[in-house]
Full PDB file with SEQRES, HELIX, SHEET, SSBOND, CRYST1, ORIGX, SCALE, CONECT and MASTER records, all heavy atoms in Angstrom:
SEQRES   1 A   30  PHE PHE PHE ASN VAL ALA SER ASP THR GLY VAL LEU THR          
SEQRES   2 A   30  LEU ASP CYS PRO ASP LEU ASP PHE GLU SER THR ARG THR          
SEQRES   3 A   30  LEU ILE GLN HIS                                              
SHEET    1 AA1 2 PHE A   2  ASN A   4  0                                        
SHEET    2 AA1 2 THR A   9  VAL A  11 -1                                        
CRYST1    1.000    1.000    1.000  90.00  90.00  90.00 P 1           1          
ORIGX1      1.000000  0.000000  0.000000        0.00000                         
ORIGX2      0.000000  1.000000  0.000000        0.00000                         
ORIGX3      0.000000  0.000000  1.000000        0.00000                         
SCALE1      1.000000  0.000000  0.000000        0.00000                         
SCALE2      0.000000  1.000000  0.000000        0.00000                         
SCALE3      0.000000  0.000000  1.000000        0.00000                         
ATOM      1  N   PHE A   1      40.815 -14.753 -60.154  1.00  0.00           N  
ATOM      2  CA  PHE A   1      42.163 -14.844 -60.720  1.00  0.00           C  
ATOM      3  C   PHE A   1      43.111 -14.150 -59.761  1.00  0.00           C  
ATOM      4  O   PHE A   1      42.967 -12.953 -59.499  1.00  0.00           O  
ATOM      5  CB  PHE A   1      42.220 -14.173 -62.089  1.00  0.00           C  
ATOM      6  CG  PHE A   1      43.577 -14.202 -62.740  1.00  0.00           C  
ATOM      7  CD1 PHE A   1      44.257 -15.399 -62.924  1.00  0.00           C  
ATOM      8  CD2 PHE A   1      44.182 -13.028 -63.163  1.00  0.00           C  
ATOM      9  CE1 PHE A   1      45.510 -15.435 -63.516  1.00  0.00           C  
ATOM     10  CE2 PHE A   1      45.426 -13.039 -63.763  1.00  0.00           C  
ATOM     11  CZ  PHE A   1      46.100 -14.250 -63.946  1.00  0.00           C  
ATOM     12  N   PHE A   2      44.048 -14.920 -59.206  1.00  0.00           N  
ATOM     13  CA  PHE A   2      45.008 -14.308 -58.286  1.00  0.00           C  
ATOM     14  C   PHE A   2      46.307 -15.086 -58.279  1.00  0.00           C  
ATOM     15  O   PHE A   2      46.393 -16.227 -58.740  1.00  0.00           O  
ATOM     16  CB  PHE A   2      44.429 -14.200 -56.863  1.00  0.00           C  
ATOM     17  CG  PHE A   2      44.231 -15.509 -56.139  1.00  0.00           C  
ATOM     18  CD1 PHE A   2      45.280 -16.134 -55.468  1.00  0.00           C  
ATOM     19  CD2 PHE A   2      42.988 -16.106 -56.105  1.00  0.00           C  
ATOM     20  CE1 PHE A   2      45.086 -17.332 -54.790  1.00  0.00           C  
ATOM     21  CE2 PHE A   2      42.782 -17.304 -55.424  1.00  0.00           C  
ATOM     22  CZ  PHE A   2      43.833 -17.919 -54.766  1.00  0.00           C  
ATOM     23  N   PHE A   3      47.329 -14.437 -57.743  1.00  0.00           N  
ATOM     24  CA  PHE A   3      48.626 -15.059 -57.514  1.00  0.00           C  
ATOM     25  C   PHE A   3      48.935 -15.028 -56.025  1.00  0.00           C  
ATOM     26  O   PHE A   3      48.739 -14.000 -55.373  1.00  0.00           O  
ATOM     27  CB  PHE A   3      49.737 -14.322 -58.272  1.00  0.00           C  
ATOM     28  CG  PHE A   3      49.636 -14.447 -59.769  1.00  0.00           C  
ATOM     29  CD1 PHE A   3      48.960 -13.491 -60.516  1.00  0.00           C  
ATOM     30  CD2 PHE A   3      50.214 -15.508 -60.434  1.00  0.00           C  
ATOM     31  CE1 PHE A   3      48.864 -13.584 -61.893  1.00  0.00           C  
ATOM     32  CE2 PHE A   3      50.126 -15.625 -61.805  1.00  0.00           C  
ATOM     33  CZ  PHE A   3      49.453 -14.662 -62.539  1.00  0.00           C  
ATOM     34  N   ASN A   4      49.417 -16.139 -55.511  1.00  0.00           N  
ATOM     35  CA  ASN A   4      49.904 -16.202 -54.138  1.00  0.00           C  
ATOM     36  C   ASN A   4      51.423 -16.124 -54.192  1.00  0.00           C  
ATOM     37  O   ASN A   4      52.094 -17.068 -54.618  1.00  0.00           O  
ATOM     38  CB  ASN A   4      49.450 -17.495 -53.455  1.00  0.00           C  
ATOM     39  CG  ASN A   4      49.800 -17.526 -51.981  1.00  0.00           C  
ATOM     40  OD1 ASN A   4      50.827 -16.978 -51.553  1.00  0.00           O  
ATOM     41  ND2 ASN A   4      48.962 -18.159 -51.180  1.00  0.00           N  
ATOM     42  N   VAL A   5      51.947 -14.973 -53.781  1.00  0.00           N  
ATOM     43  CA  VAL A   5      53.389 -14.740 -53.863  1.00  0.00           C  
ATOM     44  C   VAL A   5      54.143 -15.713 -52.971  1.00  0.00           C  
ATOM     45  O   VAL A   5      55.209 -16.222 -53.324  1.00  0.00           O  
ATOM     46  CB  VAL A   5      53.718 -13.282 -53.486  1.00  0.00           C  
ATOM     47  CG1 VAL A   5      55.210 -13.024 -53.565  1.00  0.00           C  
ATOM     48  CG2 VAL A   5      52.963 -12.312 -54.398  1.00  0.00           C  
ATOM     49  N   ALA A   6      53.580 -16.006 -51.807  1.00  0.00           N  
ATOM     50  CA  ALA A   6      54.264 -16.864 -50.840  1.00  0.00           C  
ATOM     51  C   ALA A   6      54.415 -18.300 -51.336  1.00  0.00           C  
ATOM     52  O   ALA A   6      55.456 -18.924 -51.170  1.00  0.00           O  
ATOM     53  CB  ALA A   6      53.529 -16.840 -49.507  1.00  0.00           C  
ATOM     54  N   SER A   7      53.363 -18.820 -51.966  1.00  0.00           N  
ATOM     55  CA  SER A   7      53.404 -20.215 -52.420  1.00  0.00           C  
ATOM     56  C   SER A   7      53.798 -20.359 -53.882  1.00  0.00           C  
ATOM     57  O   SER A   7      53.912 -21.482 -54.381  1.00  0.00           O  
ATOM     58  CB  SER A   7      52.032 -20.870 -52.208  1.00  0.00           C  
ATOM     59  OG  SER A   7      51.050 -20.238 -53.014  1.00  0.00           O  
ATOM     60  N   ASP A   8      53.997 -19.224 -54.575  1.00  0.00           N  
ATOM     61  CA  ASP A   8      54.386 -19.243 -55.981  1.00  0.00           C  
ATOM     62  C   ASP A   8      53.350 -19.986 -56.823  1.00  0.00           C  
ATOM     63  O   ASP A   8      53.672 -20.851 -57.635  1.00  0.00           O  
ATOM     64  CB  ASP A   8      55.772 -19.885 -56.138  1.00  0.00           C  
ATOM     65  CG  ASP A   8      56.380 -19.664 -57.522  1.00  0.00           C  
ATOM     66  OD1 ASP A   8      56.016 -18.671 -58.186  1.00  0.00           O  
ATOM     67  OD2 ASP A   8      57.195 -20.496 -57.948  1.00  0.00           O  
ATOM     68  N   THR A   9      52.088 -19.636 -56.618  1.00  0.00           N  
ATOM     69  CA  THR A   9      50.984 -20.332 -57.274  1.00  0.00           C  
ATOM     70  C   THR A   9      50.004 -19.331 -57.869  1.00  0.00           C  
ATOM     71  O   THR A   9      49.705 -18.303 -57.265  1.00  0.00           O  
ATOM     72  CB  THR A   9      50.235 -21.228 -56.262  1.00  0.00           C  
ATOM     73  OG1 THR A   9      51.147 -22.188 -55.731  1.00  0.00           O  
ATOM     74  CG2 THR A   9      49.063 -21.947 -56.916  1.00  0.00           C  
ATOM     75  N   GLY A  10      49.503 -19.647 -59.050  1.00  0.00           N  
ATOM     76  CA  GLY A  10      48.426 -18.883 -59.653  1.00  0.00           C  
ATOM     77  C   GLY A  10      47.132 -19.680 -59.604  1.00  0.00           C  
ATOM     78  O   GLY A  10      47.152 -20.914 -59.731  1.00  0.00           O  
ATOM     79  N   VAL A  11      46.023 -19.000 -59.420  1.00  0.00           N  
ATOM     80  CA  VAL A  11      44.712 -19.648 -59.365  1.00  0.00           C  
ATOM     81  C   VAL A  11      43.755 -18.913 -60.296  1.00  0.00           C  
ATOM     82  O   VAL A  11      43.680 -17.672 -60.263  1.00  0.00           O  
ATOM     83  CB  VAL A  11      44.145 -19.665 -57.925  1.00  0.00           C  
ATOM     84  CG1 VAL A  11      42.716 -20.206 -57.914  1.00  0.00           C  
ATOM     85  CG2 VAL A  11      45.036 -20.491 -57.005  1.00  0.00           C  
ATOM     86  N   LEU A  12      43.041 -19.678 -61.116  1.00  0.00           N  
ATOM     87  CA  LEU A  12      42.053 -19.108 -62.034  1.00  0.00           C  
ATOM     88  C   LEU A  12      40.779 -19.940 -61.953  1.00  0.00           C  
ATOM     89  O   LEU A  12      40.839 -21.173 -62.035  1.00  0.00           O  
ATOM     90  CB  LEU A  12      42.589 -19.084 -63.457  1.00  0.00           C  
ATOM     91  CG  LEU A  12      41.765 -18.350 -64.526  1.00  0.00           C  
ATOM     92  CD1 LEU A  12      42.684 -17.809 -65.622  1.00  0.00           C  
ATOM     93  CD2 LEU A  12      40.717 -19.264 -65.160  1.00  0.00           C  
ATOM     94  N   THR A  13      39.640 -19.272 -61.776  1.00  0.00           N  
ATOM     95  CA  THR A  13      38.358 -19.957 -61.706  1.00  0.00           C  
ATOM     96  C   THR A  13      37.442 -19.483 -62.820  1.00  0.00           C  
ATOM     97  O   THR A  13      37.351 -18.283 -63.093  1.00  0.00           O  
ATOM     98  CB  THR A  13      37.674 -19.731 -60.344  1.00  0.00           C  
ATOM     99  OG1 THR A  13      38.485 -20.294 -59.314  1.00  0.00           O  
ATOM    100  CG2 THR A  13      36.302 -20.381 -60.297  1.00  0.00           C  
ATOM    101  N   LEU A  14      36.782 -20.435 -63.467  1.00  0.00           N  
ATOM    102  CA  LEU A  14      35.764 -20.155 -64.471  1.00  0.00           C  
ATOM    103  C   LEU A  14      34.416 -20.591 -63.937  1.00  0.00           C  
ATOM    104  O   LEU A  14      34.264 -21.723 -63.459  1.00  0.00           O  
ATOM    105  CB  LEU A  14      36.051 -20.918 -65.771  1.00  0.00           C  
ATOM    106  CG  LEU A  14      37.375 -20.653 -66.489  1.00  0.00           C  
ATOM    107  CD1 LEU A  14      37.534 -21.638 -67.645  1.00  0.00           C  
ATOM    108  CD2 LEU A  14      37.438 -19.222 -66.995  1.00  0.00           C  
ATOM    109  N   ASP A  15      33.424 -19.718 -64.018  1.00  0.00           N  
ATOM    110  CA  ASP A  15      32.053 -20.083 -63.731  1.00  0.00           C  
ATOM    111  C   ASP A  15      31.339 -20.358 -65.050  1.00  0.00           C  
ATOM    112  O   ASP A  15      31.385 -19.520 -65.971  1.00  0.00           O  
ATOM    113  CB  ASP A  15      31.331 -18.964 -62.983  1.00  0.00           C  
ATOM    114  CG  ASP A  15      31.601 -19.005 -61.491  1.00  0.00           C  
ATOM    115  OD1 ASP A  15      32.507 -19.754 -61.065  1.00  0.00           O  
ATOM    116  OD2 ASP A  15      30.916 -18.281 -60.745  1.00  0.00           O  
ATOM    117  N   CYS A  16      30.680 -21.511 -65.138  1.00  0.00           N  
ATOM    118  CA  CYS A  16      30.019 -21.915 -66.379  1.00  0.00           C  
ATOM    119  C   CYS A  16      28.534 -22.181 -66.100  1.00  0.00           C  
ATOM    120  O   CYS A  16      28.164 -23.283 -65.651  1.00  0.00           O  
ATOM    121  CB  CYS A  16      30.676 -23.164 -66.953  1.00  0.00           C  
ATOM    122  SG  CYS A  16      32.406 -22.917 -67.442  1.00  0.00           S  
ATOM    123  N   PRO A  17      27.677 -21.194 -66.337  1.00  0.00           N  
ATOM    124  CA  PRO A  17      26.240 -21.384 -66.098  1.00  0.00           C  
ATOM    125  C   PRO A  17      25.556 -22.110 -67.251  1.00  0.00           C  
ATOM    126  O   PRO A  17      25.918 -21.943 -68.409  1.00  0.00           O  
ATOM    127  CB  PRO A  17      25.725 -19.942 -65.977  1.00  0.00           C  
ATOM    128  CG  PRO A  17      26.676 -19.142 -66.820  1.00  0.00           C  
ATOM    129  CD  PRO A  17      28.019 -19.824 -66.727  1.00  0.00           C  
ATOM    130  N   ASP A  18      24.588 -22.928 -66.897  1.00  0.00           N  
ATOM    131  CA  ASP A  18      23.671 -23.546 -67.860  1.00  0.00           C  
ATOM    132  C   ASP A  18      24.387 -24.380 -68.919  1.00  0.00           C  
ATOM    133  O   ASP A  18      23.994 -24.375 -70.098  1.00  0.00           O  
ATOM    134  CB  ASP A  18      22.821 -22.459 -68.527  1.00  0.00           C  
ATOM    135  CG  ASP A  18      21.572 -23.032 -69.175  1.00  0.00           C  
ATOM    136  OD1 ASP A  18      21.048 -24.044 -68.673  1.00  0.00           O  
ATOM    137  OD2 ASP A  18      21.110 -22.466 -70.194  1.00  0.00           O  
ATOM    138  N   LEU A  19      25.413 -25.135 -68.511  1.00  0.00           N  
ATOM    139  CA  LEU A  19      26.046 -26.052 -69.455  1.00  0.00           C  
ATOM    140  C   LEU A  19      25.071 -27.170 -69.809  1.00  0.00           C  
ATOM    141  O   LEU A  19      24.350 -27.700 -68.956  1.00  0.00           O  
ATOM    142  CB  LEU A  19      27.318 -26.650 -68.856  1.00  0.00           C  
ATOM    143  CG  LEU A  19      28.576 -25.788 -68.873  1.00  0.00           C  
ATOM    144  CD1 LEU A  19      29.716 -26.490 -68.157  1.00  0.00           C  
ATOM    145  CD2 LEU A  19      28.990 -25.449 -70.302  1.00  0.00           C  
ATOM    146  N   ASP A  20      25.082 -27.537 -71.083  1.00  0.00           N  
ATOM    147  CA  ASP A  20      24.106 -28.498 -71.615  1.00  0.00           C  
ATOM    148  C   ASP A  20      24.865 -29.581 -72.376  1.00  0.00           C  
ATOM    149  O   ASP A  20      25.605 -29.280 -73.310  1.00  0.00           O  
ATOM    150  CB  ASP A  20      23.144 -27.736 -72.538  1.00  0.00           C  
ATOM    151  CG  ASP A  20      22.008 -28.588 -73.062  1.00  0.00           C  
ATOM    152  OD1 ASP A  20      22.192 -29.803 -73.252  1.00  0.00           O  
ATOM    153  OD2 ASP A  20      20.927 -28.028 -73.305  1.00  0.00           O  
ATOM    154  N   PHE A  21      24.690 -30.838 -71.966  1.00  0.00           N  
ATOM    155  CA  PHE A  21      25.366 -31.970 -72.602  1.00  0.00           C  
ATOM    156  C   PHE A  21      24.322 -32.935 -73.151  1.00  0.00           C  
ATOM    157  O   PHE A  21      23.365 -33.296 -72.460  1.00  0.00           O  
ATOM    158  CB  PHE A  21      26.243 -32.721 -71.592  1.00  0.00           C  
ATOM    159  CG  PHE A  21      27.346 -31.897 -71.000  1.00  0.00           C  
ATOM    160  CD1 PHE A  21      27.109 -31.097 -69.896  1.00  0.00           C  
ATOM    161  CD2 PHE A  21      28.621 -31.924 -71.538  1.00  0.00           C  
ATOM    162  CE1 PHE A  21      28.118 -30.329 -69.344  1.00  0.00           C  
ATOM    163  CE2 PHE A  21      29.643 -31.163 -70.994  1.00  0.00           C  
ATOM    164  CZ  PHE A  21      29.384 -30.363 -69.895  1.00  0.00           C  
ATOM    165  N   GLU A  22      24.539 -33.373 -74.388  1.00  0.00           N  
ATOM    166  CA  GLU A  22      23.618 -34.330 -75.010  1.00  0.00           C  
ATOM    167  C   GLU A  22      24.425 -35.340 -75.811  1.00  0.00           C  
ATOM    168  O   GLU A  22      25.331 -34.966 -76.570  1.00  0.00           O  
ATOM    169  CB  GLU A  22      22.626 -33.608 -75.912  1.00  0.00           C  
ATOM    170  CG  GLU A  22      21.593 -34.523 -76.539  1.00  0.00           C  
ATOM    171  CD  GLU A  22      20.543 -33.770 -77.333  1.00  0.00           C  
ATOM    172  OE1 GLU A  22      20.693 -32.534 -77.512  1.00  0.00           O  
ATOM    173  OE2 GLU A  22      19.575 -34.408 -77.785  1.00  0.00           O  
ATOM    174  N   SER A  23      24.105 -36.621 -75.649  1.00  0.00           N  
ATOM    175  CA  SER A  23      24.860 -37.647 -76.366  1.00  0.00           C  
ATOM    176  C   SER A  23      24.066 -38.952 -76.440  1.00  0.00           C  
ATOM    177  O   SER A  23      23.065 -39.141 -75.745  1.00  0.00           O  
ATOM    178  CB  SER A  23      26.199 -37.928 -75.662  1.00  0.00           C  
ATOM    179  OG  SER A  23      25.975 -38.653 -74.454  1.00  0.00           O  
ATOM    180  N   THR A  24      24.560 -39.840 -77.301  1.00  0.00           N  
ATOM    181  CA  THR A  24      24.171 -41.245 -77.249  1.00  0.00           C  
ATOM    182  C   THR A  24      25.251 -41.941 -76.434  1.00  0.00           C  
ATOM    183  O   THR A  24      26.413 -41.984 -76.842  1.00  0.00           O  
ATOM    184  CB  THR A  24      24.077 -41.854 -78.659  1.00  0.00           C  
ATOM    185  OG1 THR A  24      23.114 -41.113 -79.418  1.00  0.00           O  
ATOM    186  CG2 THR A  24      23.675 -43.314 -78.589  1.00  0.00           C  
ATOM    187  N   ARG A  25      24.889 -42.461 -75.293  1.00  0.00           N  
ATOM    188  CA  ARG A  25      25.874 -42.898 -74.300  1.00  0.00           C  
ATOM    189  C   ARG A  25      25.969 -44.417 -74.225  1.00  0.00           C  
ATOM    190  O   ARG A  25      24.951 -45.118 -74.192  1.00  0.00           O  
ATOM    191  CB  ARG A  25      25.524 -42.320 -72.930  1.00  0.00           C  
ATOM    192  CG  ARG A  25      26.467 -42.702 -71.811  1.00  0.00           C  
ATOM    193  CD  ARG A  25      26.151 -41.925 -70.547  1.00  0.00           C  
ATOM    194  NE  ARG A  25      26.554 -40.518 -70.674  1.00  0.00           N  
ATOM    195  CZ  ARG A  25      26.344 -39.598 -69.741  1.00  0.00           C  
ATOM    196  NH1 ARG A  25      25.715 -39.932 -68.619  1.00  0.00           N  
ATOM    197  NH2 ARG A  25      26.753 -38.355 -69.922  1.00  0.00           N  
ATOM    198  N   THR A  26      27.209 -44.880 -74.179  1.00  0.00           N  
ATOM    199  CA  THR A  26      27.489 -46.294 -73.936  1.00  0.00           C  
ATOM    200  C   THR A  26      27.983 -46.447 -72.503  1.00  0.00           C  
ATOM    201  O   THR A  26      28.916 -45.756 -72.097  1.00  0.00           O  
ATOM    202  CB  THR A  26      28.545 -46.823 -74.909  1.00  0.00           C  
ATOM    203  OG1 THR A  26      28.069 -46.673 -76.252  1.00  0.00           O  
ATOM    204  CG2 THR A  26      28.853 -48.294 -74.643  1.00  0.00           C  
ATOM    205  N   LEU A  27      27.363 -47.325 -71.762  1.00  0.00           N  
ATOM    206  CA  LEU A  27      27.756 -47.614 -70.382  1.00  0.00           C  
ATOM    207  C   LEU A  27      28.356 -49.010 -70.357  1.00  0.00           C  
ATOM    208  O   LEU A  27      27.726 -49.971 -70.806  1.00  0.00           O  
ATOM    209  CB  LEU A  27      26.540 -47.534 -69.460  1.00  0.00           C  
ATOM    210  CG  LEU A  27      26.726 -47.642 -67.939  1.00  0.00           C  
ATOM    211  CD1 LEU A  27      25.433 -47.206 -67.237  1.00  0.00           C  
ATOM    212  CD2 LEU A  27      27.085 -49.047 -67.465  1.00  0.00           C  
ATOM    213  N   ILE A  28      29.587 -49.130 -69.821  1.00  0.00           N  
ATOM    214  CA  ILE A  28      30.254 -50.424 -69.705  1.00  0.00           C  
ATOM    215  C   ILE A  28      30.398 -50.740 -68.215  1.00  0.00           C  
ATOM    216  O   ILE A  28      31.126 -50.046 -67.500  1.00  0.00           O  
ATOM    217  CB  ILE A  28      31.629 -50.404 -70.389  1.00  0.00           C  
ATOM    218  CG1 ILE A  28      31.483 -49.959 -71.845  1.00  0.00           C  
ATOM    219  CG2 ILE A  28      32.289 -51.782 -70.313  1.00  0.00           C  
ATOM    220  CD1 ILE A  28      32.785 -49.653 -72.541  1.00  0.00           C  
ATOM    221  N   GLN A  29      29.696 -51.761 -67.763  1.00  0.00           N  
ATOM    222  CA  GLN A  29      29.708 -52.128 -66.352  1.00  0.00           C  
ATOM    223  C   GLN A  29      30.752 -53.223 -66.111  1.00  0.00           C  
ATOM    224  O   GLN A  29      30.759 -54.248 -66.787  1.00  0.00           O  
ATOM    225  CB  GLN A  29      28.330 -52.636 -65.927  1.00  0.00           C  
ATOM    226  CG  GLN A  29      28.185 -52.876 -64.445  1.00  0.00           C  
ATOM    227  CD  GLN A  29      28.258 -51.577 -63.646  1.00  0.00           C  
ATOM    228  OE1 GLN A  29      27.535 -50.630 -63.930  1.00  0.00           O  
ATOM    229  NE2 GLN A  29      29.149 -51.524 -62.662  1.00  0.00           N  
ATOM    230  N   HIS A  30      31.634 -52.972 -65.125  1.00  0.00           N  
ATOM    231  CA  HIS A  30      32.706 -53.914 -64.813  1.00  0.00           C  
ATOM    232  C   HIS A  30      32.368 -54.700 -63.548  1.00  0.00           C  
ATOM    233  O   HIS A  30      31.791 -54.152 -62.596  1.00  0.00           O  
ATOM    234  CB  HIS A  30      34.028 -53.167 -64.599  1.00  0.00           C  
ATOM    235  CG  HIS A  30      34.341 -52.175 -65.675  1.00  0.00           C  
ATOM    236  ND1 HIS A  30      34.621 -52.540 -66.969  1.00  0.00           N  
ATOM    237  CD2 HIS A  30      34.415 -50.813 -65.652  1.00  0.00           C  
ATOM    238  CE1 HIS A  30      34.867 -51.454 -67.703  1.00  0.00           C  
ATOM    239  NE2 HIS A  30      34.739 -50.397 -66.922  1.00  0.00           N  
TER     240      HIS A  30                                                      
MASTER        0    0    0    0    2    0    0    6  239    1    0    3          
END                                                                             
């Protein structure tokens, strides 16, 4: 998490360990 004074920008990073996704998935092929 930091601010760059020169570019007037804020930056925030989140680290997310061991994310788990489960679903019944529909795939539509074009």
